[in-house]
Amino acid sequence: TGSRTIDLEITTLSSTHHVEMTPSDVGFQDRYIVQEVIKEMAKSRPIETKGKKGFK
């Protein structure tokens, strides 16, 4: 299985509980773009459960 790396830029708007993006703006592989954004966010955002309400 081969792999290739492509650098892309995508604009996102975010708040505490939401992220808005338009992955189709950067091409036809939008499913992979969304997956990578979620992976990167999961790596960099600490999960804080102390004193916080659950997701709506």
C-alpha atoms as a PDB file:
ATOM      1  CA  THR A   1       0.000   0.000   0.000  1.00  0.00           C
ATOM      2  CA  GLY A   2       1.389   3.352  -0.981  1.00  0.00           C
ATOM      3  CA  SER A   3       0.896   6.618   0.771  1.00  0.00           C
ATOM      4  CA  ARG A   4       1.459  10.199  -0.193  1.00  0.00           C
ATOM      5  CA  THR A   5       1.547  13.435   1.693  1.00  0.00           C
ATOM      6  CA  ILE A   6      -0.163  16.589   0.516  1.00  0.00           C
ATOM      7  CA  ASP A   7      -0.063  19.887   2.404  1.00  0.00           C
ATOM      8  CA  LEU A   8      -3.391  21.718   2.408  1.00  0.00           C
ATOM      9  CA  GLU A   9      -4.800  24.709   4.223  1.00  0.00           C
ATOM     10  CA  ILE A  10      -8.406  24.831   5.353  1.00  0.00           C
ATOM     11  CA  THR A  11     -10.197  27.625   7.168  1.00  0.00           C
ATOM     12  CA  THR A  12     -12.069  26.652  10.322  1.00  0.00           C
ATOM     13  CA  LEU A  13     -14.301  28.546  12.707  1.00  0.00           C
ATOM     14  CA  SER A  14     -14.522  27.151  16.202  1.00  0.00           C
ATOM     15  CA  SER A  15     -16.023  27.709  19.612  1.00  0.00           C
ATOM     16  CA  THR A  16     -15.800  25.719  22.817  1.00  0.00           C
ATOM     17  CA  HIS A  17     -18.083  22.959  21.533  1.00  0.00           C
ATOM     18  CA  HIS A  18     -18.208  23.331  17.732  1.00  0.00           C
ATOM     19  CA  VAL A  19     -15.931  23.420  14.705  1.00  0.00           C
ATOM     20  CA  GLU A  20     -17.130  24.607  11.319  1.00  0.00           C
ATOM     21  CA  MET A  21     -15.247  23.921   8.090  1.00  0.00           C
ATOM     22  CA  THR A  22     -15.912  23.397   4.399  1.00  0.00           C
ATOM     23  CA  PRO A  23     -13.585  20.551   3.383  1.00  0.00           C
ATOM     24  CA  SER A  24     -14.909  20.480  -0.189  1.00  0.00           C
ATOM     25  CA  ASP A  25     -13.094  23.797  -0.715  1.00  0.00           C
ATOM     26  CA  VAL A  26      -9.780  21.933  -0.876  1.00  0.00           C
ATOM     27  CA  GLY A  27     -10.699  19.057  -3.150  1.00  0.00           C
ATOM     28  CA  PHE A  28     -12.529  15.815  -3.644  1.00  0.00           C
ATOM     29  CA  GLN A  29     -11.016  13.855  -0.732  1.00  0.00           C
ATOM     30  CA  ASP A  30     -13.067  15.713   1.879  1.00  0.00           C
ATOM     31  CA  ARG A  31     -13.637  12.617   4.033  1.00  0.00           C
ATOM     32  CA  TYR A  32      -9.886  12.284   4.615  1.00  0.00           C
ATOM     33  CA  ILE A  33      -9.546  15.981   5.359  1.00  0.00           C
ATOM     34  CA  VAL A  34     -12.216  15.782   8.078  1.00  0.00           C
ATOM     35  CA  GLN A  35     -10.549  12.682   9.559  1.00  0.00           C
ATOM     36  CA  GLU A  36      -7.162  14.407   9.733  1.00  0.00           C
ATOM     37  CA  VAL A  37      -8.600  17.563  11.309  1.00  0.00           C
ATOM     38  CA  ILE A  38     -10.323  15.460  13.987  1.00  0.00           C
ATOM     39  CA  LYS A  39      -7.110  13.504  14.661  1.00  0.00           C
ATOM     40  CA  GLU A  40      -5.071  16.693  15.037  1.00  0.00           C
ATOM     41  CA  MET A  41      -7.658  18.270  17.330  1.00  0.00           C
ATOM     42  CA  ALA A  42      -7.761  15.142  19.498  1.00  0.00           C
ATOM     43  CA  LYS A  43      -3.960  15.235  19.850  1.00  0.00           C
ATOM     44  CA  SER A  44      -3.759  18.877  20.848  1.00  0.00           C
ATOM     45  CA  ARG A  45      -6.835  19.483  23.011  1.00  0.00           C
ATOM     46  CA  PRO A  46      -6.795  18.188  26.572  1.00  0.00           C
ATOM     47  CA  ILE A  47      -9.940  16.445  27.747  1.00  0.00           C
ATOM     48  CA  GLU A  48     -11.121  18.197  30.868  1.00  0.00           C
ATOM     49  CA  THR A  49     -13.959  16.480  32.741  1.00  0.00           C
ATOM     50  CA  LYS A  50     -13.622  18.108  36.139  1.00  0.00           C
ATOM     51  CA  GLY A  51     -16.584  20.403  36.754  1.00  0.00           C
ATOM     52  CA  LYS A  52     -17.700  20.387  33.134  1.00  0.00           C
ATOM     53  CA  LYS A  53     -21.063  19.366  31.734  1.00  0.00           C
ATOM     54  CA  GLY A  54     -21.225  16.628  29.118  1.00  0.00           C
ATOM     55  CA  PHE A  55     -21.741  17.271  25.444  1.00  0.00           C
ATOM     56  CA  LYS A  56     -25.165  18.486  24.395  1.00  0.00           C
END
